[in-house]
Amino acid sequence: MSRVVLDVSMSLDGFTAGPNVRDEEPMGDGGERLHEWMAGDGADARAFEEVNAIVGATVIGRRTFDLGLGPWGGTPWPGVPGFVVTRRTRGDLLGDNGGTFAFDGLEASVRRAKEAAGDKDVLVMGADVAGQLLEARLLDEVHLHLAPVVLGQGTGLFAGRLGELIPVGEPVAGVATHLRYRVRRAAGRDA
């Protein structure tokens, strides 16, 4: 069964995007530096390949979709369906790279994404939607890529929502430090 996985790069001071997120700078001022590790080799290359290998569908926050559609030119992974969490539903959108976007509420988007992902995972994109999933107990894992960057301000992970994460495996060091966590569901019941 598909897992719902947040795979995110974060600065050392806890931001997933820099300040002043806007159309011209979808990752905010300096935020693209969070992804520089993806061009690396060794541990960084393996972490990046692993992300690409597990994605079967995505759940995307509406703001992330609005800012990312232009740079992506379609879905973030060619041919992989994206499910945009929104209150402003609309018909499906076919991306330039063959992937489709569907627009629905939180729970419906997760259900549809899990169905579409088959035996692969659903990757989450967007700090606010990640927080909503954490709060709704729909998030299973967090794969955190801690980049050697200090942004000073920006978009915080989970948008201020609370939860508890349980470390899985050992940290892997490259340019970024790659960490994995399972989400604790409730007292004594883990994902």
Protein backbone atom coordinates (compact mmCIF):
# COMPACT_ATOMS: atom_id res chain seq x y z
CA MET A 1 0.00 0.00 0.00
CA SER A 2 1.24 3.50 -0.80
CA ARG A 3 2.71 5.65 1.91
CA VAL A 4 2.18 9.41 2.08
CA VAL A 5 5.71 10.83 2.30
CA LEU A 6 6.87 14.39 2.74
CA ASP A 7 10.22 14.65 0.97
CA VAL A 8 11.58 18.12 1.66
CA SER A 9 14.78 20.14 1.71
CA MET A 10 15.14 22.43 4.70
CA SER A 11 17.65 25.05 5.84
CA LEU A 12 19.59 24.65 9.08
CA ASP A 13 17.29 27.26 10.63
CA GLY A 14 14.11 25.38 9.70
CA PHE A 15 12.85 26.96 6.47
CA THR A 16 11.63 25.12 3.34
CA ALA A 17 11.59 28.30 1.24
CA GLY A 18 13.26 31.67 1.59
CA PRO A 19 11.54 34.96 2.33
CA ASN A 20 9.50 36.84 -0.29
CA VAL A 21 8.03 33.86 -2.15
CA ARG A 22 6.56 35.20 -5.40
CA ASP A 23 6.07 34.32 -9.07
CA GLU A 24 9.58 35.49 -10.01
CA GLU A 25 11.15 33.55 -7.09
CA PRO A 26 8.91 30.53 -6.33
CA MET A 27 11.35 29.33 -3.64
CA GLY A 28 11.75 32.83 -2.18
CA ASP A 29 14.97 34.82 -1.92
CA GLY A 30 17.84 32.33 -1.69
CA GLY A 31 15.50 29.34 -1.47
CA GLU A 32 16.86 27.56 -4.55
CA ARG A 33 20.07 26.93 -2.57
CA LEU A 34 18.10 24.36 -0.58
CA HIS A 35 18.14 22.09 -3.64
CA GLU A 36 21.80 22.39 -4.64
CA TRP A 37 22.54 19.01 -3.04
CA MET A 38 20.44 17.36 -5.78
CA ALA A 39 23.22 17.99 -8.30
CA GLY A 40 25.80 16.27 -6.09
CA ASP A 41 27.26 12.81 -6.19
CA GLY A 42 27.71 10.02 -3.66
CA ALA A 43 25.16 10.10 -0.83
CA ASP A 44 23.36 13.10 -2.35
CA ALA A 45 22.94 11.42 -5.73
CA ARG A 46 21.65 8.25 -4.07
CA ALA A 47 19.12 10.24 -2.01
CA PHE A 48 17.91 12.07 -5.12
CA GLU A 49 17.63 8.81 -7.12
CA GLU A 50 15.66 7.24 -4.27
CA VAL A 51 13.12 10.07 -4.32
CA ASN A 52 12.64 9.67 -8.06
CA ALA A 53 12.27 5.90 -7.72
CA ILE A 54 9.51 5.95 -5.08
CA VAL A 55 7.18 8.62 -6.48
CA GLY A 56 3.93 7.28 -7.92
CA ALA A 57 1.78 10.38 -7.37
CA THR A 58 2.01 13.75 -5.64
CA VAL A 59 -0.21 15.73 -3.30
CA ILE A 60 0.49 19.41 -3.81
CA GLY A 61 -0.63 22.50 -1.92
CA ARG A 62 -2.52 25.03 -4.02
CA ARG A 63 0.07 27.81 -3.55
CA THR A 64 2.90 25.41 -4.42
CA PHE A 65 0.98 24.43 -7.56
CA ASP A 66 0.32 28.05 -8.52
CA LEU A 67 4.00 28.97 -8.13
CA GLY A 68 5.44 25.73 -9.54
CA LEU A 69 3.40 25.13 -12.68
CA GLY A 70 5.44 27.58 -14.78
CA PRO A 71 8.90 26.30 -13.79
CA TRP A 72 7.79 22.66 -13.89
CA GLY A 73 6.08 22.96 -17.28
CA GLY A 74 3.75 20.19 -16.16
CA THR A 75 3.79 17.80 -13.22
CA PRO A 76 7.03 17.78 -11.17
CA TRP A 77 7.77 14.22 -12.39
CA PRO A 78 6.83 13.64 -16.05
CA GLY A 79 3.80 11.39 -16.39
CA VAL A 80 3.21 11.24 -12.61
CA PRO A 81 -0.22 12.54 -11.58
CA GLY A 82 -0.52 15.46 -9.17
CA PHE A 83 -3.43 16.03 -6.81
CA VAL A 84 -3.79 19.66 -5.79
CA VAL A 85 -5.40 20.32 -2.41
CA THR A 86 -7.75 23.26 -2.80
CA ARG A 87 -11.14 24.67 -1.98
CA ARG A 88 -11.27 26.06 -5.54
CA THR A 89 -11.90 22.86 -7.48
CA ARG A 90 -11.84 22.78 -11.26
CA GLY A 91 -11.51 20.23 -14.04
CA ASP A 92 -8.33 18.24 -14.49
CA LEU A 93 -5.37 19.92 -16.15
CA LEU A 94 -2.99 18.13 -18.52
CA GLY A 95 0.60 19.27 -18.06
CA ASP A 96 3.04 19.82 -20.92
CA ASN A 97 4.96 16.68 -19.87
CA GLY A 98 2.03 14.25 -19.92
CA GLY A 99 1.17 14.39 -16.23
CA THR A 100 -2.28 15.43 -15.04
CA PHE A 101 -3.35 17.61 -12.14
CA ALA A 102 -6.64 16.97 -10.33
CA PHE A 103 -8.11 19.49 -7.86
CA ASP A 104 -9.92 18.40 -4.71
CA GLY A 105 -10.04 18.62 -0.91
CA LEU A 106 -7.41 17.17 1.41
CA GLU A 107 -8.81 13.71 2.13
CA ALA A 108 -10.09 13.15 -1.42
CA SER A 109 -6.72 14.20 -2.87
CA VAL A 110 -4.86 11.74 -0.62
CA ARG A 111 -7.28 8.90 -1.41
CA ARG A 112 -7.05 9.53 -5.16
CA ALA A 113 -3.26 9.90 -5.04
CA LYS A 114 -2.86 6.59 -3.18
CA GLU A 115 -5.02 4.85 -5.78
CA ALA A 116 -2.99 6.38 -8.61
CA ALA A 117 0.38 5.59 -7.01
CA GLY A 118 -0.22 1.84 -6.96
CA ASP A 119 2.72 0.21 -5.18
CA LYS A 120 4.77 3.43 -5.17
CA ASP A 121 4.50 6.32 -2.72
CA VAL A 122 2.64 9.61 -2.68
CA LEU A 123 5.03 12.55 -2.29
CA VAL A 124 3.82 15.71 -0.57
CA MET A 125 4.78 19.15 -1.85
CA GLY A 126 4.15 22.30 0.19
CA ALA A 127 4.68 23.24 3.86
CA ASP A 128 1.07 24.16 4.54
CA VAL A 129 -0.42 21.02 3.00
CA ALA A 130 2.21 18.95 4.85
CA GLY A 131 0.99 20.54 8.08
CA GLN A 132 -2.62 19.80 7.19
CA LEU A 133 -1.72 16.16 6.51
CA LEU A 134 0.18 15.91 9.80
CA GLU A 135 -2.76 17.37 11.70
CA ALA A 136 -5.26 15.07 9.90
CA ARG A 137 -3.01 12.05 10.62
CA LEU A 138 -2.68 11.30 6.92
CA LEU A 139 1.13 11.71 6.73
CA ASP A 140 3.17 8.50 7.14
CA GLU A 141 6.81 9.53 6.75
CA VAL A 142 9.12 12.51 6.44
CA HIS A 143 12.31 12.40 4.38
CA LEU A 144 14.24 15.50 5.36
CA HIS A 145 17.24 16.82 3.44
CA LEU A 146 18.98 19.28 5.75
CA ALA A 147 20.87 21.69 3.49
CA PRO A 148 23.93 23.61 4.75
CA VAL A 149 22.13 26.93 4.30
CA VAL A 150 20.85 29.53 6.76
CA LEU A 151 18.01 31.62 5.30
CA GLY A 152 17.15 33.75 8.33
CA GLN A 153 13.45 33.75 7.50
CA GLY A 154 11.01 32.12 5.13
CA THR A 155 8.43 29.33 5.13
CA GLY A 156 8.61 27.05 8.16
CA LEU A 157 8.11 23.31 7.87
CA PHE A 158 4.54 22.13 8.66
CA ALA A 159 3.32 25.74 8.82
CA GLY A 160 3.31 25.74 12.63
CA ARG A 161 1.33 22.54 13.16
CA LEU A 162 2.42 20.06 15.82
CA GLY A 163 3.28 16.38 15.59
CA GLU A 164 5.88 13.86 16.69
CA LEU A 165 8.41 12.16 14.45
CA ILE A 166 10.31 8.94 15.18
CA PRO A 167 13.77 8.56 13.61
CA VAL A 168 14.17 5.69 11.15
CA GLY A 169 17.65 4.46 10.25
CA GLU A 170 20.87 6.42 10.50
CA PRO A 171 21.47 9.92 9.11
CA VAL A 172 23.29 9.89 5.77
CA ALA A 173 25.75 12.71 5.16
CA GLY A 174 26.57 14.26 1.83
CA VAL A 175 26.45 17.96 1.03
CA ALA A 176 23.05 17.74 2.77
CA THR A 177 22.26 15.49 5.71
CA HIS A 178 19.50 13.06 4.79
CA LEU A 179 17.16 12.04 7.60
CA ARG A 180 14.07 9.81 7.75
CA TYR A 181 11.23 9.82 10.21
CA ARG A 182 8.01 7.93 10.79
CA VAL A 183 5.05 9.97 12.01
CA ARG A 184 3.76 8.99 15.46
CA ARG A 185 -0.01 8.55 15.12
CA ALA A 186 -1.15 8.51 18.75
CA ALA A 187 0.14 7.28 22.09
CA GLY A 188 1.46 3.79 21.38
CA ARG A 189 0.28 3.71 17.74
CA ASP A 190 2.88 4.54 15.08
CA ALA A 191 2.52 4.64 11.31
